[in-house]
Amino acid sequence: MAEPTGEIKRHTVLDRILHWMLVIAFFAAVVSGFAFFHPALFPLSAFSGGGPWSALLHPFFGLAMMLFFFWFAIPHWRVNLIGKRDIQWLKQFVDVITHNEEALPEQDKYNAGQKMLYYILMLCMIGLLVTGFLIWRHYFTFPVGVVRLSLLLHALAAFVLVASVIGHISFAVWVKGSIRSMFKGTVTPGWAWKHHRHWFREKIKKGGASVH
């Protein structure tokens, strides 16, 4: 198969805007929230104007993060469905981390790892949203036992979320061209062929590999 010239559109303008707004809201929520996670991290509150301001703003940073995440993620539920190729990809994770990509099954627009991240982030965001309201004592009042349990679950969900995002960033840096695509919106045919070959074939069939 002859590869087309030019680049292939991977992310729409709206997706890229939402992604980077989500990044900003995520870091604002994490910094303001981690200031209260442990006394040693309290100096982080300086980035939000001090302790009282961090306590006041953190829930709103969190709500902004939720808004941008669900706005970005929900329309992509169909391309994140797990299929047989994804299950096989996960079984061959050793080939993934050793860059033996020719031995892997062809992947869709998102590989199995990215799809797993999608569901992990979705669960974490829902958990943070629910528990966040339960511990938002400025506006709501719940039994102290419910608040304490919610605080624990909120911290746990935040920890998993941050760890998952660190992994996401690491793999984005590891796979050269991934971060560039979220700025520019396109990828080279060679990148698409190497990392998401099934998606590449579908784009060719639909005539979506034109120059942008």
N, C-alpha and C. Protein backbone atom coordinates (compact mmCIF):
# COMPACT_ATOMS: atom_id res chain seq x y z
N MET A 1 0.85 -1.19 0.00
CA MET A 1 0.00 0.00 0.00
C MET A 1 0.89 1.25 0.00
N ALA A 2 0.63 2.15 -0.93
CA ALA A 2 1.43 3.38 -0.98
C ALA A 2 0.90 4.37 0.05
N GLU A 3 1.81 4.93 0.82
CA GLU A 3 1.40 5.90 1.83
C GLU A 3 1.12 7.24 1.16
N PRO A 4 0.07 7.95 1.61
CA PRO A 4 -0.25 9.25 1.02
C PRO A 4 0.74 10.30 1.46
N THR A 5 0.83 11.36 0.68
CA THR A 5 1.67 12.48 1.09
C THR A 5 0.86 13.36 2.04
N GLY A 6 1.52 14.27 2.71
CA GLY A 6 0.81 15.15 3.62
C GLY A 6 0.58 14.48 4.97
N GLU A 7 -0.32 15.04 5.75
CA GLU A 7 -0.59 14.54 7.08
C GLU A 7 -2.05 14.16 7.25
N ILE A 8 -2.32 13.39 8.29
CA ILE A 8 -3.66 12.87 8.55
C ILE A 8 -4.25 13.57 9.75
N LYS A 9 -5.48 14.04 9.61
CA LYS A 9 -6.14 14.72 10.71
C LYS A 9 -6.48 13.72 11.81
N ARG A 10 -6.08 14.04 13.05
CA ARG A 10 -6.33 13.14 14.18
C ARG A 10 -7.20 13.78 15.25
N HIS A 11 -7.02 15.07 15.50
CA HIS A 11 -7.78 15.75 16.54
C HIS A 11 -8.42 17.02 15.97
N THR A 12 -9.69 17.22 16.27
CA THR A 12 -10.37 18.42 15.81
C THR A 12 -9.92 19.63 16.64
N VAL A 13 -10.24 20.81 16.16
CA VAL A 13 -9.90 22.03 16.88
C VAL A 13 -10.58 22.04 18.25
N LEU A 14 -11.85 21.64 18.29
CA LEU A 14 -12.57 21.62 19.57
C LEU A 14 -11.93 20.64 20.55
N ASP A 15 -11.54 19.47 20.07
CA ASP A 15 -10.90 18.49 20.94
C ASP A 15 -9.60 19.03 21.53
N ARG A 16 -8.84 19.74 20.70
CA ARG A 16 -7.57 20.28 21.19
C ARG A 16 -7.79 21.39 22.20
N ILE A 17 -8.77 22.23 21.97
CA ILE A 17 -9.08 23.31 22.92
C ILE A 17 -9.52 22.70 24.25
N LEU A 18 -10.44 21.73 24.19
CA LEU A 18 -10.94 21.10 25.40
C LEU A 18 -9.82 20.38 26.15
N HIS A 19 -8.94 19.72 25.39
CA HIS A 19 -7.84 19.00 26.02
C HIS A 19 -6.96 19.94 26.82
N TRP A 20 -6.58 21.07 26.24
CA TRP A 20 -5.66 21.97 26.93
C TRP A 20 -6.36 22.77 28.03
N MET A 21 -7.64 23.04 27.88
CA MET A 21 -8.38 23.64 28.99
C MET A 21 -8.49 22.64 30.15
N LEU A 22 -8.66 21.37 29.81
CA LEU A 22 -8.68 20.32 30.83
C LEU A 22 -7.35 20.24 31.55
N VAL A 23 -6.27 20.35 30.81
CA VAL A 23 -4.93 20.32 31.42
C VAL A 23 -4.78 21.46 32.43
N ILE A 24 -5.19 22.66 32.05
CA ILE A 24 -5.08 23.81 32.95
C ILE A 24 -5.92 23.61 34.20
N ALA A 25 -7.17 23.17 34.02
CA ALA A 25 -8.07 22.96 35.16
C ALA A 25 -7.56 21.83 36.05
N PHE A 26 -7.00 20.79 35.44
CA PHE A 26 -6.46 19.66 36.20
C PHE A 26 -5.35 20.12 37.13
N PHE A 27 -4.39 20.86 36.59
CA PHE A 27 -3.27 21.30 37.43
C PHE A 27 -3.73 22.28 38.50
N ALA A 28 -4.69 23.14 38.18
CA ALA A 28 -5.22 24.06 39.19
C ALA A 28 -5.90 23.29 40.32
N ALA A 29 -6.69 22.25 39.97
CA ALA A 29 -7.37 21.45 40.98
C ALA A 29 -6.38 20.63 41.80
N VAL A 30 -5.38 20.07 41.14
CA VAL A 30 -4.40 19.24 41.84
C VAL A 30 -3.57 20.06 42.81
N VAL A 31 -3.06 21.20 42.36
CA VAL A 31 -2.21 22.03 43.23
C VAL A 31 -3.00 22.55 44.42
N SER A 32 -4.21 23.05 44.18
CA SER A 32 -5.01 23.59 45.28
C SER A 32 -5.49 22.49 46.22
N GLY A 33 -5.75 21.28 45.67
CA GLY A 33 -6.22 20.18 46.51
C GLY A 33 -5.10 19.52 47.30
N PHE A 34 -3.94 19.35 46.66
CA PHE A 34 -2.82 18.71 47.34
C PHE A 34 -2.29 19.57 48.49
N ALA A 35 -2.60 20.86 48.47
CA ALA A 35 -2.18 21.74 49.57
C ALA A 35 -2.77 21.28 50.90
N PHE A 36 -3.91 20.57 50.82
CA PHE A 36 -4.58 20.09 52.03
C PHE A 36 -4.44 18.59 52.21
N PHE A 37 -3.69 17.95 51.32
CA PHE A 37 -3.52 16.51 51.38
C PHE A 37 -2.59 16.12 52.52
N HIS A 38 -1.57 16.94 52.76
CA HIS A 38 -0.60 16.68 53.83
C HIS A 38 0.02 18.02 54.24
N PRO A 39 0.30 18.22 55.54
CA PRO A 39 0.89 19.50 55.97
C PRO A 39 2.14 19.91 55.20
N ALA A 40 2.94 18.92 54.79
CA ALA A 40 4.17 19.24 54.06
C ALA A 40 3.87 19.86 52.70
N LEU A 41 2.66 19.65 52.18
CA LEU A 41 2.29 20.18 50.87
C LEU A 41 1.53 21.50 50.95
N PHE A 42 1.30 21.97 52.17
CA PHE A 42 0.50 23.20 52.34
C PHE A 42 1.10 24.41 51.61
N PRO A 43 2.43 24.51 51.49
CA PRO A 43 2.98 25.66 50.73
C PRO A 43 2.43 25.79 49.31
N LEU A 44 1.88 24.69 48.76
CA LEU A 44 1.29 24.76 47.43
C LEU A 44 0.10 25.72 47.38
N SER A 45 -0.47 25.98 48.56
CA SER A 45 -1.63 26.88 48.60
C SER A 45 -1.26 28.29 48.15
N ALA A 46 0.03 28.61 48.17
CA ALA A 46 0.47 29.94 47.74
C ALA A 46 0.11 30.20 46.28
N PHE A 47 0.05 29.13 45.47
CA PHE A 47 -0.28 29.30 44.06
C PHE A 47 -1.73 29.73 43.86
N SER A 48 -2.57 29.51 44.88
CA SER A 48 -3.98 29.89 44.78
C SER A 48 -4.30 31.10 45.65
N GLY A 49 -3.27 31.72 46.21
CA GLY A 49 -3.49 32.91 47.02
C GLY A 49 -3.53 32.67 48.51
N GLY A 50 -3.10 31.46 48.94
CA GLY A 50 -3.10 31.16 50.36
C GLY A 50 -4.14 30.11 50.74
N GLY A 51 -4.11 29.69 52.00
CA GLY A 51 -4.99 28.63 52.46
C GLY A 51 -6.47 28.87 52.24
N PRO A 52 -7.01 30.01 52.72
CA PRO A 52 -8.45 30.27 52.55
C PRO A 52 -8.88 30.30 51.08
N TRP A 53 -8.05 30.92 50.24
CA TRP A 53 -8.39 30.99 48.82
C TRP A 53 -8.32 29.62 48.16
N SER A 54 -7.35 28.80 48.56
CA SER A 54 -7.25 27.45 48.01
C SER A 54 -8.48 26.63 48.37
N ALA A 55 -8.90 26.74 49.64
CA ALA A 55 -10.09 26.01 50.09
C ALA A 55 -11.34 26.47 49.36
N LEU A 56 -11.40 27.77 49.07
CA LEU A 56 -12.56 28.32 48.37
C LEU A 56 -12.57 27.94 46.89
N LEU A 57 -11.40 28.03 46.25
CA LEU A 57 -11.32 27.85 44.80
C LEU A 57 -11.25 26.39 44.36
N HIS A 58 -10.70 25.51 45.21
CA HIS A 58 -10.49 24.12 44.80
C HIS A 58 -11.75 23.46 44.24
N PRO A 59 -12.91 23.56 44.90
CA PRO A 59 -14.10 22.92 44.33
C PRO A 59 -14.47 23.45 42.95
N PHE A 60 -14.26 24.74 42.74
CA PHE A 60 -14.59 25.33 41.44
C PHE A 60 -13.59 24.90 40.36
N PHE A 61 -12.31 24.79 40.75
CA PHE A 61 -11.32 24.22 39.82
C PHE A 61 -11.73 22.79 39.45
N GLY A 62 -12.19 22.04 40.47
CA GLY A 62 -12.61 20.67 40.23
C GLY A 62 -13.80 20.59 39.29
N LEU A 63 -14.77 21.48 39.48
CA LEU A 63 -15.95 21.49 38.60
C LEU A 63 -15.56 21.86 37.17
N ALA A 64 -14.62 22.78 37.03
CA ALA A 64 -14.13 23.14 35.69
C ALA A 64 -13.46 21.94 35.03
N MET A 65 -12.67 21.21 35.82
CA MET A 65 -12.01 20.02 35.31
C MET A 65 -13.04 18.99 34.84
N MET A 66 -14.09 18.79 35.64
CA MET A 66 -15.14 17.85 35.28
C MET A 66 -15.82 18.26 33.98
N LEU A 67 -16.13 19.56 33.87
CA LEU A 67 -16.82 20.06 32.68
C LEU A 67 -16.02 19.79 31.43
N PHE A 68 -14.74 20.16 31.45
CA PHE A 68 -13.91 19.97 30.26
C PHE A 68 -13.68 18.49 29.97
N PHE A 69 -13.53 17.68 31.05
CA PHE A 69 -13.29 16.25 30.83
C PHE A 69 -14.49 15.59 30.17
N PHE A 70 -15.69 15.77 30.74
CA PHE A 70 -16.86 15.09 30.19
C PHE A 70 -17.23 15.63 28.82
N TRP A 71 -17.00 16.91 28.60
CA TRP A 71 -17.25 17.50 27.29
C TRP A 71 -16.32 16.88 26.25
N PHE A 72 -15.10 16.62 26.68
CA PHE A 72 -14.11 16.01 25.78
C PHE A 72 -14.34 14.51 25.63
N ALA A 73 -14.63 13.81 26.73
CA ALA A 73 -14.63 12.34 26.74
C ALA A 73 -15.92 11.69 26.24
N ILE A 74 -17.06 12.24 26.61
CA ILE A 74 -18.32 11.56 26.28
C ILE A 74 -18.51 11.36 24.77
N PRO A 75 -18.22 12.36 23.92
CA PRO A 75 -18.40 12.13 22.48
C PRO A 75 -17.48 11.04 21.91
N HIS A 76 -16.44 10.65 22.68
CA HIS A 76 -15.48 9.66 22.19
C HIS A 76 -15.74 8.26 22.74
N TRP A 77 -16.92 8.03 23.30
CA TRP A 77 -17.16 6.72 23.93
C TRP A 77 -17.10 5.58 22.91
N ARG A 78 -17.57 5.85 21.70
CA ARG A 78 -17.63 4.77 20.71
C ARG A 78 -16.23 4.29 20.29
N VAL A 79 -15.29 5.22 20.10
CA VAL A 79 -13.95 4.85 19.65
C VAL A 79 -13.12 4.27 20.80
N ASN A 80 -13.69 4.26 22.01
CA ASN A 80 -12.98 3.69 23.15
C ASN A 80 -13.55 2.34 23.60
N LEU A 81 -14.43 1.78 22.78
CA LEU A 81 -14.96 0.45 23.09
C LEU A 81 -13.85 -0.59 22.96
N ILE A 82 -13.82 -1.53 23.89
CA ILE A 82 -12.79 -2.57 23.89
C ILE A 82 -13.18 -3.70 22.94
N GLY A 83 -12.26 -4.07 22.06
CA GLY A 83 -12.50 -5.16 21.11
C GLY A 83 -11.48 -6.29 21.27
N LYS A 84 -11.58 -7.28 20.41
CA LYS A 84 -10.68 -8.44 20.49
C LYS A 84 -9.22 -8.03 20.29
N ARG A 85 -8.98 -7.11 19.37
CA ARG A 85 -7.60 -6.66 19.12
C ARG A 85 -7.01 -6.00 20.36
N ASP A 86 -7.87 -5.29 21.09
CA ASP A 86 -7.40 -4.62 22.30
C ASP A 86 -7.01 -5.62 23.39
N ILE A 87 -7.82 -6.65 23.54
CA ILE A 87 -7.53 -7.68 24.54
C ILE A 87 -6.21 -8.37 24.22
N GLN A 88 -6.01 -8.67 22.94
CA GLN A 88 -4.75 -9.30 22.52
C GLN A 88 -3.57 -8.37 22.74
N TRP A 89 -3.77 -7.07 22.48
CA TRP A 89 -2.72 -6.06 22.70
C TRP A 89 -2.30 -6.04 24.16
N LEU A 90 -3.26 -6.11 25.05
CA LEU A 90 -2.96 -6.12 26.48
C LEU A 90 -2.21 -7.37 26.89
N LYS A 91 -2.56 -8.49 26.27
CA LYS A 91 -1.86 -9.74 26.57
C LYS A 91 -0.40 -9.69 26.12
N GLN A 92 -0.11 -8.87 25.12
CA GLN A 92 1.25 -8.75 24.58
C GLN A 92 1.93 -7.47 25.07
N PHE A 93 1.66 -7.09 26.30
CA PHE A 93 2.20 -5.83 26.80
C PHE A 93 3.72 -5.80 26.80
N VAL A 94 4.35 -6.97 26.90
CA VAL A 94 5.81 -7.03 26.84
C VAL A 94 6.29 -6.51 25.49
N ASP A 95 5.57 -6.88 24.42
CA ASP A 95 5.91 -6.38 23.09
C ASP A 95 5.72 -4.87 23.00
N VAL A 96 4.74 -4.36 23.75
CA VAL A 96 4.48 -2.92 23.74
C VAL A 96 5.67 -2.16 24.33
N ILE A 97 6.10 -2.57 25.51
CA ILE A 97 7.16 -1.83 26.20
C ILE A 97 8.54 -2.09 25.60
N THR A 98 8.66 -3.12 24.76
CA THR A 98 9.94 -3.39 24.10
C THR A 98 9.94 -2.89 22.65
N HIS A 99 8.89 -2.13 22.29
CA HIS A 99 8.77 -1.54 20.95
C HIS A 99 8.70 -2.59 19.84
N ASN A 100 8.25 -3.80 20.16
CA ASN A 100 8.10 -4.83 19.14
C ASN A 100 6.71 -4.71 18.52
N GLU A 101 6.46 -3.57 17.89
CA GLU A 101 5.12 -3.23 17.43
C GLU A 101 4.64 -4.07 16.25
N GLU A 102 5.56 -4.62 15.49
CA GLU A 102 5.16 -5.46 14.36
C GLU A 102 4.48 -6.74 14.82
N ALA A 103 4.73 -7.15 16.08
CA ALA A 103 4.12 -8.36 16.61
C ALA A 103 2.74 -8.11 17.21
N LEU A 104 2.37 -6.84 17.33
CA LEU A 104 1.10 -6.48 17.97
C LEU A 104 -0.05 -6.45 16.97
N PRO A 105 -1.26 -6.71 17.44
CA PRO A 105 -2.42 -6.56 16.55
C PRO A 105 -2.62 -5.11 16.16
N GLU A 106 -3.15 -4.87 14.99
CA GLU A 106 -3.37 -3.51 14.52
C GLU A 106 -4.36 -2.79 15.44
N GLN A 107 -4.05 -1.53 15.77
CA GLN A 107 -4.87 -0.78 16.71
C GLN A 107 -5.76 0.26 16.03
N ASP A 108 -6.83 0.60 16.73
CA ASP A 108 -7.78 1.59 16.25
C ASP A 108 -7.22 3.00 16.49
N LYS A 109 -8.08 4.00 16.48
CA LYS A 109 -7.63 5.37 16.71
C LYS A 109 -6.91 5.48 18.05
N TYR A 110 -7.41 4.73 19.04
CA TYR A 110 -6.76 4.67 20.34
C TYR A 110 -6.40 3.22 20.63
N ASN A 111 -5.20 3.01 21.17
CA ASN A 111 -4.81 1.63 21.48
C ASN A 111 -5.45 1.19 22.79
N ALA A 112 -5.23 -0.06 23.14
CA ALA A 112 -5.88 -0.62 24.32
C ALA A 112 -5.48 0.10 25.60
N GLY A 113 -4.24 0.54 25.68
CA GLY A 113 -3.79 1.26 26.85
C GLY A 113 -4.52 2.59 27.00
N GLN A 114 -4.71 3.28 25.89
CA GLN A 114 -5.42 4.56 25.92
C GLN A 114 -6.89 4.35 26.26
N LYS A 115 -7.46 3.25 25.79
CA LYS A 115 -8.86 2.95 26.11
C LYS A 115 -9.02 2.62 27.60
N MET A 116 -8.07 1.88 28.15
CA MET A 116 -8.12 1.57 29.58
C MET A 116 -8.01 2.86 30.39
N LEU A 117 -7.14 3.76 29.95
CA LEU A 117 -7.00 5.05 30.63
C LEU A 117 -8.32 5.82 30.58
N TYR A 118 -9.01 5.76 29.47
CA TYR A 118 -10.30 6.43 29.31
C TYR A 118 -11.27 6.00 30.40
N TYR A 119 -11.36 4.69 30.64
CA TYR A 119 -12.30 4.19 31.65
C TYR A 119 -11.83 4.48 33.07
N ILE A 120 -10.53 4.42 33.29
CA ILE A 120 -9.99 4.74 34.62
C ILE A 120 -10.27 6.21 34.96
N LEU A 121 -10.00 7.09 34.01
CA LEU A 121 -10.25 8.51 34.23
C LEU A 121 -11.73 8.79 34.42
N MET A 122 -12.57 8.11 33.66
CA MET A 122 -14.01 8.29 33.79
C MET A 122 -14.48 7.93 35.19
N LEU A 123 -14.02 6.78 35.70
CA LEU A 123 -14.41 6.35 37.04
C LEU A 123 -13.87 7.30 38.10
N CYS A 124 -12.63 7.74 37.94
CA CYS A 124 -12.04 8.68 38.90
C CYS A 124 -12.80 10.00 38.93
N MET A 125 -13.15 10.50 37.75
CA MET A 125 -13.86 11.78 37.68
C MET A 125 -15.24 11.68 38.32
N ILE A 126 -15.93 10.58 38.06
CA ILE A 126 -17.26 10.39 38.67
C ILE A 126 -17.11 10.29 40.19
N GLY A 127 -16.10 9.54 40.64
CA GLY A 127 -15.85 9.41 42.07
C GLY A 127 -15.52 10.74 42.72
N LEU A 128 -14.68 11.53 42.07
CA LEU A 128 -14.32 12.84 42.60
C LEU A 128 -15.51 13.79 42.62
N LEU A 129 -16.35 13.70 41.60
CA LEU A 129 -17.51 14.58 41.52
C LEU A 129 -18.49 14.28 42.66
N VAL A 130 -18.81 13.00 42.85
CA VAL A 130 -19.77 12.61 43.89
C VAL A 130 -19.23 12.93 45.28
N THR A 131 -18.01 12.47 45.56
CA THR A 131 -17.44 12.71 46.89
C THR A 131 -17.15 14.19 47.12
N GLY A 132 -16.84 14.91 46.04
CA GLY A 132 -16.59 16.34 46.17
C GLY A 132 -17.80 17.09 46.69
N PHE A 133 -18.97 16.74 46.19
CA PHE A 133 -20.19 17.38 46.69
C PHE A 133 -20.46 17.01 48.15
N LEU A 134 -20.15 15.77 48.50
CA LEU A 134 -20.41 15.31 49.87
C LEU A 134 -19.51 16.00 50.89
N ILE A 135 -18.34 16.45 50.47
CA ILE A 135 -17.41 17.10 51.42
C ILE A 135 -17.38 18.62 51.24
N TRP A 136 -18.22 19.16 50.36
CA TRP A 136 -18.26 20.60 50.11
C TRP A 136 -19.12 21.26 51.18
N ARG A 137 -18.55 21.37 52.37
CA ARG A 137 -19.31 21.78 53.55
C ARG A 137 -19.71 23.25 53.54
N HIS A 138 -19.15 24.01 52.63
CA HIS A 138 -19.55 25.41 52.53
C HIS A 138 -20.99 25.55 52.04
N TYR A 139 -21.44 24.56 51.26
CA TYR A 139 -22.78 24.60 50.68
C TYR A 139 -23.67 23.45 51.13
N PHE A 140 -23.07 22.32 51.55
CA PHE A 140 -23.85 21.14 51.88
C PHE A 140 -23.51 20.64 53.28
N THR A 141 -24.49 19.97 53.90
CA THR A 141 -24.28 19.41 55.24
C THR A 141 -24.68 17.94 55.22
N PHE A 142 -23.72 17.07 55.50
CA PHE A 142 -23.97 15.64 55.58
C PHE A 142 -23.43 15.12 56.90
N PRO A 143 -23.89 13.93 57.33
CA PRO A 143 -23.39 13.34 58.59
C PRO A 143 -21.87 13.22 58.56
N VAL A 144 -21.25 13.41 59.74
CA VAL A 144 -19.79 13.42 59.81
C VAL A 144 -19.18 12.12 59.29
N GLY A 145 -19.86 10.99 59.52
CA GLY A 145 -19.34 9.71 59.02
C GLY A 145 -19.29 9.67 57.51
N VAL A 146 -20.30 10.24 56.87
CA VAL A 146 -20.35 10.29 55.40
C VAL A 146 -19.23 11.20 54.88
N VAL A 147 -19.01 12.32 55.56
CA VAL A 147 -17.96 13.27 55.14
C VAL A 147 -16.59 12.62 55.26
N ARG A 148 -16.34 11.91 56.36
CA ARG A 148 -15.04 11.29 56.57
C ARG A 148 -14.77 10.21 55.52
N LEU A 149 -15.76 9.38 55.25
CA LEU A 149 -15.60 8.34 54.23
C LEU A 149 -15.39 8.98 52.85
N SER A 150 -16.13 10.04 52.59
CA SER A 150 -16.01 10.73 51.30
C SER A 150 -14.64 11.36 51.14
N LEU A 151 -14.10 11.92 52.23
CA LEU A 151 -12.75 12.49 52.18
C LEU A 151 -11.72 11.43 51.81
N LEU A 152 -11.86 10.23 52.40
CA LEU A 152 -10.94 9.13 52.10
C LEU A 152 -11.06 8.71 50.64
N LEU A 153 -12.29 8.53 50.17
CA LEU A 153 -12.50 8.10 48.79
C LEU A 153 -12.08 9.19 47.80
N HIS A 154 -12.30 10.44 48.18
CA HIS A 154 -11.89 11.56 47.32
C HIS A 154 -10.38 11.57 47.15
N ALA A 155 -9.67 11.37 48.25
CA ALA A 155 -8.20 11.34 48.19
C ALA A 155 -7.71 10.16 47.37
N LEU A 156 -8.37 9.01 47.53
CA LEU A 156 -7.98 7.81 46.78
C LEU A 156 -8.19 8.02 45.28
N ALA A 157 -9.36 8.56 44.91
CA ALA A 157 -9.65 8.82 43.50
C ALA A 157 -8.66 9.83 42.92
N ALA A 158 -8.31 10.84 43.72
CA ALA A 158 -7.35 11.85 43.26
C ALA A 158 -5.98 11.23 43.04
N PHE A 159 -5.58 10.34 43.95
CA PHE A 159 -4.28 9.68 43.81
C PHE A 159 -4.23 8.84 42.53
N VAL A 160 -5.28 8.06 42.28
CA VAL A 160 -5.32 7.22 41.07
C VAL A 160 -5.35 8.10 39.83
N LEU A 161 -6.09 9.20 39.89
CA LEU A 161 -6.18 10.12 38.75
C LEU A 161 -4.81 10.70 38.42
N VAL A 162 -4.12 11.20 39.44
CA VAL A 162 -2.81 11.82 39.21
C VAL A 162 -1.80 10.79 38.69
N ALA A 163 -1.81 9.59 39.28
CA ALA A 163 -0.90 8.54 38.84
C ALA A 163 -1.18 8.16 37.38
N SER A 164 -2.46 8.12 37.01
CA SER A 164 -2.84 7.77 35.64
C SER A 164 -2.41 8.86 34.66
N VAL A 165 -2.56 10.12 35.07
CA VAL A 165 -2.16 11.23 34.20
C VAL A 165 -0.65 11.25 34.02
N ILE A 166 0.09 10.94 35.09
CA ILE A 166 1.55 10.85 34.98
C ILE A 166 1.93 9.78 33.97
N GLY A 167 1.25 8.62 34.04
CA GLY A 167 1.49 7.56 33.07
C GLY A 167 1.15 8.00 31.66
N HIS A 168 0.04 8.71 31.52
CA HIS A 168 -0.39 9.22 30.21
C HIS A 168 0.65 10.17 29.61
N ILE A 169 1.15 11.09 30.44
CA ILE A 169 2.18 12.03 29.97
C ILE A 169 3.45 11.29 29.58
N SER A 170 3.83 10.29 30.39
CA SER A 170 5.05 9.52 30.12
C SER A 170 4.97 8.82 28.77
N PHE A 171 3.83 8.19 28.50
CA PHE A 171 3.68 7.48 27.23
C PHE A 171 3.58 8.46 26.06
N ALA A 172 2.97 9.64 26.30
CA ALA A 172 2.88 10.64 25.24
C ALA A 172 4.26 11.13 24.85
N VAL A 173 5.14 11.29 25.85
CA VAL A 173 6.53 11.70 25.56
C VAL A 173 7.28 10.55 24.91
N TRP A 174 7.03 9.33 25.38
CA TRP A 174 7.71 8.14 24.89
C TRP A 174 7.41 7.89 23.41
N VAL A 175 6.14 8.05 23.03
CA VAL A 175 5.74 7.84 21.63
C VAL A 175 5.88 9.17 20.90
N LYS A 176 6.99 9.35 20.25
CA LYS A 176 7.30 10.61 19.58
C LYS A 176 6.23 10.98 18.56
N GLY A 177 5.78 12.21 18.62
CA GLY A 177 4.75 12.69 17.69
C GLY A 177 3.38 12.81 18.33
N SER A 178 3.19 12.19 19.49
CA SER A 178 1.87 12.21 20.14
C SER A 178 1.52 13.59 20.65
N ILE A 179 2.45 14.24 21.36
CA ILE A 179 2.18 15.57 21.90
C ILE A 179 2.01 16.57 20.77
N ARG A 180 2.84 16.44 19.74
CA ARG A 180 2.75 17.33 18.58
C ARG A 180 1.36 17.27 17.96
N SER A 181 0.76 16.08 17.93
CA SER A 181 -0.55 15.93 17.30
C SER A 181 -1.64 16.66 18.08
N MET A 182 -1.46 16.81 19.41
CA MET A 182 -2.45 17.51 20.20
C MET A 182 -2.31 19.03 20.07
N PHE A 183 -1.19 19.49 19.54
CA PHE A 183 -1.03 20.91 19.23
C PHE A 183 -1.47 21.20 17.80
N LYS A 184 -0.97 20.38 16.88
CA LYS A 184 -1.19 20.63 15.46
C LYS A 184 -2.48 20.00 14.94
N GLY A 185 -2.90 18.89 15.55
CA GLY A 185 -4.12 18.22 15.13
C GLY A 185 -3.93 17.14 14.10
N THR A 186 -2.69 17.00 13.59
CA THR A 186 -2.44 16.01 12.55
C THR A 186 -1.24 15.15 12.91
N VAL A 187 -1.14 14.00 12.22
CA VAL A 187 0.01 13.11 12.37
C VAL A 187 0.49 12.73 10.98
N THR A 188 1.72 12.27 10.90
CA THR A 188 2.25 11.82 9.62
C THR A 188 1.69 10.44 9.30
N PRO A 189 1.60 10.10 8.02
CA PRO A 189 1.16 8.75 7.66
C PRO A 189 2.03 7.67 8.29
N GLY A 190 3.36 7.92 8.38
CA GLY A 190 4.25 6.94 8.98
C GLY A 190 3.93 6.70 10.44
N TRP A 191 3.60 7.77 11.17
CA TRP A 191 3.22 7.64 12.59
C TRP A 191 1.93 6.83 12.72
N ALA A 192 0.94 7.16 11.89
CA ALA A 192 -0.33 6.44 11.94
C ALA A 192 -0.15 4.97 11.59
N TRP A 193 0.67 4.69 10.58
CA TRP A 193 0.90 3.31 10.16
C TRP A 193 1.60 2.51 11.26
N LYS A 194 2.52 3.12 11.94
CA LYS A 194 3.30 2.43 12.97
C LYS A 194 2.50 2.18 14.24
N HIS A 195 1.72 3.17 14.68
CA HIS A 195 1.09 3.09 15.99
C HIS A 195 -0.39 2.75 15.97
N HIS A 196 -1.09 3.10 14.89
CA HIS A 196 -2.55 2.88 14.84
C HIS A 196 -2.92 2.42 13.43
N ARG A 197 -2.41 1.27 13.07
CA ARG A 197 -2.50 0.82 11.69
C ARG A 197 -3.93 0.58 11.22
N HIS A 198 -4.78 0.02 12.07
CA HIS A 198 -6.17 -0.23 11.67
C HIS A 198 -6.89 1.09 11.42
N TRP A 199 -6.68 2.07 12.27
CA TRP A 199 -7.26 3.40 12.09
C TRP A 199 -6.74 4.03 10.79
N PHE A 200 -5.45 3.84 10.53
CA PHE A 200 -4.84 4.35 9.30
C PHE A 200 -5.53 3.76 8.07
N ARG A 201 -5.76 2.44 8.07
CA ARG A 201 -6.42 1.79 6.94
C ARG A 201 -7.83 2.35 6.75
N GLU A 202 -8.54 2.57 7.86
CA GLU A 202 -9.90 3.11 7.77
C GLU A 202 -9.89 4.53 7.20
N LYS A 203 -8.91 5.33 7.60
CA LYS A 203 -8.81 6.68 7.08
C LYS A 203 -8.55 6.67 5.57
N ILE A 204 -7.72 5.74 5.12
CA ILE A 204 -7.43 5.62 3.69
C ILE A 204 -8.69 5.24 2.93
N LYS A 205 -9.46 4.30 3.47
CA LYS A 205 -10.69 3.85 2.81
C LYS A 205 -11.69 5.00 2.67
N LYS A 206 -11.73 5.84 3.71
CA LYS A 206 -12.70 6.94 3.72
C LYS A 206 -12.15 8.20 3.05
N GLY A 207 -10.91 8.10 2.56
CA GLY A 207 -10.32 9.26 1.92
C GLY A 207 -9.95 10.35 2.90
N GLY A 208 -9.65 9.95 4.17
CA GLY A 208 -9.36 10.93 5.20
C GLY A 208 -7.89 11.22 5.38
N ALA A 209 -7.06 10.77 4.45
CA ALA A 209 -5.62 10.98 4.60
C ALA A 209 -5.11 12.09 3.70
N SER A 210 -5.97 13.04 3.44
CA SER A 210 -5.56 14.14 2.58
C SER A 210 -4.68 15.13 3.33
N VAL A 211 -4.08 16.01 2.60
CA VAL A 211 -3.17 17.01 3.21
C VAL A 211 -4.01 18.05 3.95
N HIS A 212 -3.54 18.43 5.18
CA HIS A 212 -4.23 19.45 5.97
C HIS A 212 -3.29 20.60 6.22
